[in-house]
Amino acid sequence: MSSFVSSRPNHTGIDVPGPGTIALRNLYFVRFGFAVLWAGLFAATATTLNSAGVALLLVYPLFDVGAAIVDHRSSGAAQRSGPLRLNMALSAAATAGLAIAAGSGVSAVLRVWGAWAITAGAVQLVVAVSRRRMGGQLAMMLSGGISVLAGASFAIQAGASDPSMSSLAGYAALGGIFFLLSAIRLRRSGQSGQ
């Protein structure tokens, strides 16, 4: 395997993390910070579909597109790019879908967010399984699986008589925690090899 998904020996013969692993770890830390910040802002401002709430709804999947682009560029040809490209397409479609759904109400937003959480969670699970050799991916596997379940719950919530978007903040915060756990695990595996 390439240096992205494995370590490489240094001048002493000890394995150290490859540059792609370091980039991925840094990206996970950034994704944690963004998710927690977004969750806090969304919880504070988006109890209804006001302009701040709609803007935040659109920023989240757009950030996901950007993160997938960074991930793809840092991994280069070292891994299959299909799942990351699929994630970019899903998140871009979610952004467009949420922009349209926001005009139809909270139920429509929850349906679109739910569909995105299901599909993006499945892709995240596939990517994490493909990266399992590099370590730190168990949290990403769990996150992908939980995202699929959460997406189904958002779709169910959309059918409630008085649907609420408040659970989206918790979803984002939990996803951020999983990114933090993976980043810490990648850091520890890199330090133990040095």
C-alpha atoms as a PDB file:
ATOM      1  CA  MET A   1       0.000   0.000   0.000  1.00  0.00           C
ATOM      2  CA  SER A   2       1.037   3.602  -0.463  1.00  0.00           C
ATOM      3  CA  SER A   3       2.256   5.987   2.193  1.00  0.00           C
ATOM      4  CA  PHE A   4      -1.244   7.417   2.514  1.00  0.00           C
ATOM      5  CA  VAL A   5      -2.724   4.332   4.042  1.00  0.00           C
ATOM      6  CA  SER A   6       0.333   3.012   5.767  1.00  0.00           C
ATOM      7  CA  SER A   7       3.460   4.160   7.458  1.00  0.00           C
ATOM      8  CA  ARG A   8       6.896   4.452   5.930  1.00  0.00           C
ATOM      9  CA  PRO A   9      10.256   3.688   7.509  1.00  0.00           C
ATOM     10  CA  ASN A  10      12.394   6.649   8.567  1.00  0.00           C
ATOM     11  CA  HIS A  11      16.199   6.703   8.595  1.00  0.00           C
ATOM     12  CA  THR A  12      16.252   4.491  11.715  1.00  0.00           C
ATOM     13  CA  GLY A  13      13.999   1.869  10.151  1.00  0.00           C
ATOM     14  CA  ILE A  14      11.065   2.758  12.435  1.00  0.00           C
ATOM     15  CA  ASP A  15       7.715   3.245  10.762  1.00  0.00           C
ATOM     16  CA  VAL A  16       6.354   6.795  10.839  1.00  0.00           C
ATOM     17  CA  PRO A  17       3.049   8.013   9.479  1.00  0.00           C
ATOM     18  CA  GLY A  18       3.020   8.982   5.818  1.00  0.00           C
ATOM     19  CA  PRO A  19       2.176  12.534   4.744  1.00  0.00           C
ATOM     20  CA  GLY A  20      -1.352  11.488   3.772  1.00  0.00           C
ATOM     21  CA  THR A  21      -1.977  10.147   7.269  1.00  0.00           C
ATOM     22  CA  ILE A  22      -0.829  13.428   8.800  1.00  0.00           C
ATOM     23  CA  ALA A  23      -3.025  15.407   6.405  1.00  0.00           C
ATOM     24  CA  LEU A  24      -5.997  13.191   7.227  1.00  0.00           C
ATOM     25  CA  ARG A  25      -5.428  13.617  10.952  1.00  0.00           C
ATOM     26  CA  ASN A  26      -5.297  17.415  10.542  1.00  0.00           C
ATOM     27  CA  LEU A  27      -8.435  17.346   8.402  1.00  0.00           C
ATOM     28  CA  TYR A  28     -10.230  15.351  11.113  1.00  0.00           C
ATOM     29  CA  PHE A  29      -9.278  17.976  13.722  1.00  0.00           C
ATOM     30  CA  VAL A  30     -10.623  20.741  11.460  1.00  0.00           C
ATOM     31  CA  ARG A  31     -13.818  18.800  10.830  1.00  0.00           C
ATOM     32  CA  PHE A  32     -14.291  18.360  14.590  1.00  0.00           C
ATOM     33  CA  GLY A  33     -13.909  22.108  15.198  1.00  0.00           C
ATOM     34  CA  PHE A  34     -16.283  22.997  12.378  1.00  0.00           C
ATOM     35  CA  ALA A  35     -18.937  20.493  13.463  1.00  0.00           C
ATOM     36  CA  VAL A  36     -18.944  21.684  17.073  1.00  0.00           C
ATOM     37  CA  LEU A  37     -19.031  25.350  16.041  1.00  0.00           C
ATOM     38  CA  TRP A  38     -21.804  24.680  13.522  1.00  0.00           C
ATOM     39  CA  ALA A  39     -23.828  22.696  16.064  1.00  0.00           C
ATOM     40  CA  GLY A  40     -23.589  25.514  18.599  1.00  0.00           C
ATOM     41  CA  LEU A  41     -24.592  28.179  16.085  1.00  0.00           C
ATOM     42  CA  PHE A  42     -27.407  26.057  14.689  1.00  0.00           C
ATOM     43  CA  ALA A  43     -28.791  25.270  18.141  1.00  0.00           C
ATOM     44  CA  ALA A  44     -28.689  28.963  19.057  1.00  0.00           C
ATOM     45  CA  THR A  45     -30.144  30.464  15.882  1.00  0.00           C
ATOM     46  CA  ALA A  46     -32.058  27.908  13.867  1.00  0.00           C
ATOM     47  CA  THR A  47     -35.167  27.021  15.813  1.00  0.00           C
ATOM     48  CA  THR A  48     -37.115  28.048  12.713  1.00  0.00           C
ATOM     49  CA  LEU A  49     -36.294  28.364   9.048  1.00  0.00           C
ATOM     50  CA  ASN A  50     -35.028  31.907   9.347  1.00  0.00           C
ATOM     51  CA  SER A  51     -32.258  33.292   7.128  1.00  0.00           C
ATOM     52  CA  ALA A  52     -29.513  32.304   9.604  1.00  0.00           C
ATOM     53  CA  GLY A  53     -30.879  28.780   9.862  1.00  0.00           C
ATOM     54  CA  VAL A  54     -31.097  28.341   6.102  1.00  0.00           C
ATOM     55  CA  ALA A  55     -27.565  29.698   5.664  1.00  0.00           C
ATOM     56  CA  LEU A  56     -26.263  27.252   8.265  1.00  0.00           C
ATOM     57  CA  LEU A  57     -28.176  24.386   6.646  1.00  0.00           C
ATOM     58  CA  LEU A  58     -26.417  25.132   3.358  1.00  0.00           C
ATOM     59  CA  VAL A  59     -22.963  25.707   4.850  1.00  0.00           C
ATOM     60  CA  TYR A  60     -22.793  22.264   6.464  1.00  0.00           C
ATOM     61  CA  PRO A  61     -22.942  20.139   3.285  1.00  0.00           C
ATOM     62  CA  LEU A  62     -20.838  22.709   1.416  1.00  0.00           C
ATOM     63  CA  PHE A  63     -18.145  22.294   4.058  1.00  0.00           C
ATOM     64  CA  ASP A  64     -18.437  18.544   3.552  1.00  0.00           C
ATOM     65  CA  VAL A  65     -17.768  19.026  -0.176  1.00  0.00           C
ATOM     66  CA  GLY A  66     -14.673  21.082   0.647  1.00  0.00           C
ATOM     67  CA  ALA A  67     -13.436  18.538   3.185  1.00  0.00           C
ATOM     68  CA  ALA A  68     -13.861  15.721   0.664  1.00  0.00           C
ATOM     69  CA  ILE A  69     -11.882  17.732  -1.902  1.00  0.00           C
ATOM     70  CA  VAL A  70      -9.059  18.269   0.605  1.00  0.00           C
ATOM     71  CA  ASP A  71      -9.174  14.585   1.530  1.00  0.00           C
ATOM     72  CA  HIS A  72      -9.043  13.572  -2.144  1.00  0.00           C
ATOM     73  CA  ARG A  73      -6.127  15.901  -2.909  1.00  0.00           C
ATOM     74  CA  SER A  74      -4.123  14.804   0.106  1.00  0.00           C
ATOM     75  CA  SER A  75      -4.631  11.137  -0.727  1.00  0.00           C
ATOM     76  CA  GLY A  76      -3.794  11.624  -4.387  1.00  0.00           C
ATOM     77  CA  ALA A  77      -3.692   8.384  -6.310  1.00  0.00           C
ATOM     78  CA  ALA A  78      -3.008   6.460  -3.127  1.00  0.00           C
ATOM     79  CA  GLN A  79      -6.566   5.284  -2.698  1.00  0.00           C
ATOM     80  CA  ARG A  80      -9.635   4.713  -4.758  1.00  0.00           C
ATOM     81  CA  SER A  81     -11.178   8.089  -5.387  1.00  0.00           C
ATOM     82  CA  GLY A  82     -14.664   6.846  -6.301  1.00  0.00           C
ATOM     83  CA  PRO A  83     -16.171   6.987  -2.799  1.00  0.00           C
ATOM     84  CA  LEU A  84     -14.761  10.470  -2.121  1.00  0.00           C
ATOM     85  CA  ARG A  85     -16.079  11.739  -5.446  1.00  0.00           C
ATOM     86  CA  LEU A  86     -19.444  10.187  -4.679  1.00  0.00           C
ATOM     87  CA  ASN A  87     -19.417  11.952  -1.302  1.00  0.00           C
ATOM     88  CA  MET A  88     -18.690  15.275  -3.035  1.00  0.00           C
ATOM     89  CA  ALA A  89     -21.617  14.724  -5.404  1.00  0.00           C
ATOM     90  CA  LEU A  90     -23.971  13.710  -2.584  1.00  0.00           C
ATOM     91  CA  SER A  91     -23.061  16.737  -0.477  1.00  0.00           C
ATOM     92  CA  ALA A  92     -23.410  19.104  -3.425  1.00  0.00           C
ATOM     93  CA  ALA A  93     -26.812  17.590  -4.205  1.00  0.00           C
ATOM     94  CA  ALA A  94     -27.779  17.912  -0.536  1.00  0.00           C
ATOM     95  CA  THR A  95     -26.885  21.608  -0.630  1.00  0.00           C
ATOM     96  CA  ALA A  96     -29.128  22.168  -3.653  1.00  0.00           C
ATOM     97  CA  GLY A  97     -31.865  20.000  -2.161  1.00  0.00           C
ATOM     98  CA  LEU A  98     -31.775  21.862   1.144  1.00  0.00           C
ATOM     99  CA  ALA A  99     -31.955  25.225  -0.641  1.00  0.00           C
ATOM    100  CA  ILE A 100     -35.133  24.077  -2.362  1.00  0.00           C
ATOM    101  CA  ALA A 101     -36.554  22.270   0.688  1.00  0.00           C
ATOM    102  CA  ALA A 102     -36.113  25.317   2.914  1.00  0.00           C
ATOM    103  CA  GLY A 103     -38.882  27.011   0.950  1.00  0.00           C
ATOM    104  CA  SER A 104     -41.234  24.122   1.694  1.00  0.00           C
ATOM    105  CA  GLY A 105     -40.755  23.877   5.457  1.00  0.00           C
ATOM    106  CA  VAL A 106     -39.079  21.902   8.188  1.00  0.00           C
ATOM    107  CA  SER A 107     -40.490  18.529   7.086  1.00  0.00           C
ATOM    108  CA  ALA A 108     -38.939  18.895   3.637  1.00  0.00           C
ATOM    109  CA  VAL A 109     -35.615  19.929   5.173  1.00  0.00           C
ATOM    110  CA  LEU A 110     -35.619  16.875   7.439  1.00  0.00           C
ATOM    111  CA  ARG A 111     -36.368  14.570   4.505  1.00  0.00           C
ATOM    112  CA  VAL A 112     -33.483  15.956   2.446  1.00  0.00           C
ATOM    113  CA  TRP A 113     -31.112  15.974   5.419  1.00  0.00           C
ATOM    114  CA  GLY A 114     -32.177  12.420   6.243  1.00  0.00           C
ATOM    115  CA  ALA A 115     -31.545  11.181   2.704  1.00  0.00           C
ATOM    116  CA  TRP A 116     -28.139  12.871   2.740  1.00  0.00           C
ATOM    117  CA  ALA A 117     -27.259  11.410   6.154  1.00  0.00           C
ATOM    118  CA  ILE A 118     -28.164   7.908   4.970  1.00  0.00           C
ATOM    119  CA  THR A 119     -26.225   8.047   1.714  1.00  0.00           C
ATOM    120  CA  ALA A 120     -23.216   9.995   3.019  1.00  0.00           C
ATOM    121  CA  GLY A 121     -23.055   7.751   6.072  1.00  0.00           C
ATOM    122  CA  ALA A 122     -22.918   4.674   3.858  1.00  0.00           C
ATOM    123  CA  VAL A 123     -20.096   6.235   1.824  1.00  0.00           C
ATOM    124  CA  GLN A 124     -18.248   7.202   5.011  1.00  0.00           C
ATOM    125  CA  LEU A 125     -18.494   3.612   6.193  1.00  0.00           C
ATOM    126  CA  VAL A 126     -17.047   2.332   2.901  1.00  0.00           C
ATOM    127  CA  VAL A 127     -14.163   4.838   3.025  1.00  0.00           C
ATOM    128  CA  ALA A 128     -13.383   4.040   6.663  1.00  0.00           C
ATOM    129  CA  VAL A 129     -13.349   0.295   5.988  1.00  0.00           C
ATOM    130  CA  SER A 130     -10.967   0.850   3.059  1.00  0.00           C
ATOM    131  CA  ARG A 131      -8.655   2.832   5.383  1.00  0.00           C
ATOM    132  CA  ARG A 132      -8.736   0.445   8.328  1.00  0.00           C
ATOM    133  CA  ARG A 133      -5.036  -0.454   7.948  1.00  0.00           C
ATOM    134  CA  MET A 134      -3.960   3.084   8.751  1.00  0.00           C
ATOM    135  CA  GLY A 135      -5.686   2.988  12.140  1.00  0.00           C
ATOM    136  CA  GLY A 136      -8.084   5.457  13.723  1.00  0.00           C
ATOM    137  CA  GLN A 137     -10.972   4.334  11.540  1.00  0.00           C
ATOM    138  CA  LEU A 138     -13.201   2.497  14.003  1.00  0.00           C
ATOM    139  CA  ALA A 139     -14.794   5.799  15.046  1.00  0.00           C
ATOM    140  CA  MET A 140     -15.354   6.659  11.380  1.00  0.00           C
ATOM    141  CA  MET A 141     -16.987   3.270  10.792  1.00  0.00           C
ATOM    142  CA  LEU A 142     -19.267   3.842  13.769  1.00  0.00           C
ATOM    143  CA  SER A 143     -19.997   7.379  12.604  1.00  0.00           C
ATOM    144  CA  GLY A 144     -20.996   6.152   9.144  1.00  0.00           C
ATOM    145  CA  GLY A 145     -23.309   3.522  10.589  1.00  0.00           C
ATOM    146  CA  ILE A 146     -24.858   5.946  13.062  1.00  0.00           C
ATOM    147  CA  SER A 147     -25.334   8.483  10.274  1.00  0.00           C
ATOM    148  CA  VAL A 148     -27.404   5.947   8.331  1.00  0.00           C
ATOM    149  CA  LEU A 149     -29.602   5.333  11.392  1.00  0.00           C
ATOM    150  CA  ALA A 150     -29.863   9.048  12.166  1.00  0.00           C
ATOM    151  CA  GLY A 151     -30.880   9.762   8.585  1.00  0.00           C
ATOM    152  CA  ALA A 152     -33.722   7.289   8.905  1.00  0.00           C
ATOM    153  CA  SER A 153     -34.815   8.971  12.143  1.00  0.00           C
ATOM    154  CA  PHE A 154     -34.818  12.392  10.435  1.00  0.00           C
ATOM    155  CA  ALA A 155     -37.079  11.008   7.726  1.00  0.00           C
ATOM    156  CA  ILE A 156     -39.411   9.654  10.425  1.00  0.00           C
ATOM    157  CA  GLN A 157     -39.331  12.991  12.293  1.00  0.00           C
ATOM    158  CA  ALA A 158     -40.335  14.739   9.057  1.00  0.00           C
ATOM    159  CA  GLY A 159     -43.717  13.003   9.303  1.00  0.00           C
ATOM    160  CA  ALA A 160     -44.409  14.282  12.825  1.00  0.00           C
ATOM    161  CA  SER A 161     -47.188  16.791  13.359  1.00  0.00           C
ATOM    162  CA  ASP A 162     -44.722  19.411  14.656  1.00  0.00           C
ATOM    163  CA  PRO A 163     -41.276  18.488  13.255  1.00  0.00           C
ATOM    164  CA  SER A 164     -38.184  20.119  14.715  1.00  0.00           C
ATOM    165  CA  MET A 165     -34.693  20.629  13.355  1.00  0.00           C
ATOM    166  CA  SER A 166     -33.105  20.660  16.810  1.00  0.00           C
ATOM    167  CA  SER A 167     -31.751  17.120  16.407  1.00  0.00           C
ATOM    168  CA  LEU A 168     -29.561  18.281  13.503  1.00  0.00           C
ATOM    169  CA  ALA A 169     -27.288  20.122  15.949  1.00  0.00           C
ATOM    170  CA  GLY A 170     -26.827  16.962  18.000  1.00  0.00           C
ATOM    171  CA  TYR A 171     -26.137  14.972  14.839  1.00  0.00           C
ATOM    172  CA  ALA A 172     -23.397  17.406  13.809  1.00  0.00           C
ATOM    173  CA  ALA A 173     -21.859  17.501  17.287  1.00  0.00           C
ATOM    174  CA  LEU A 174     -21.751  13.703  17.514  1.00  0.00           C
ATOM    175  CA  GLY A 175     -20.175  13.501  14.064  1.00  0.00           C
ATOM    176  CA  GLY A 176     -17.565  16.015  15.206  1.00  0.00           C
ATOM    177  CA  ILE A 177     -16.752  13.899  18.246  1.00  0.00           C
ATOM    178  CA  PHE A 178     -16.168  10.898  16.001  1.00  0.00           C
ATOM    179  CA  PHE A 179     -13.768  12.976  13.878  1.00  0.00           C
ATOM    180  CA  LEU A 180     -11.931  14.028  17.045  1.00  0.00           C
ATOM    181  CA  LEU A 181     -11.622  10.429  18.223  1.00  0.00           C
ATOM    182  CA  SER A 182     -10.224   9.352  14.873  1.00  0.00           C
ATOM    183  CA  ALA A 183      -7.769  12.264  14.810  1.00  0.00           C
ATOM    184  CA  ILE A 184      -6.530  11.403  18.306  1.00  0.00           C
ATOM    185  CA  ARG A 185      -6.197   7.758  17.358  1.00  0.00           C
ATOM    186  CA  LEU A 186      -4.236   8.667  14.218  1.00  0.00           C
ATOM    187  CA  ARG A 187      -1.980  10.925  16.317  1.00  0.00           C
ATOM    188  CA  ARG A 188      -1.336   8.169  18.868  1.00  0.00           C
ATOM    189  CA  SER A 189      -0.568   5.586  16.208  1.00  0.00           C
ATOM    190  CA  GLY A 190       1.856   8.056  14.635  1.00  0.00           C
ATOM    191  CA  GLN A 191       3.541   8.841  17.970  1.00  0.00           C
ATOM    192  CA  SER A 192       3.866   5.187  18.940  1.00  0.00           C
ATOM    193  CA  GLY A 193       5.750   4.557  15.721  1.00  0.00           C
ATOM    194  CA  GLN A 194       8.308   7.265  16.449  1.00  0.00           C
END
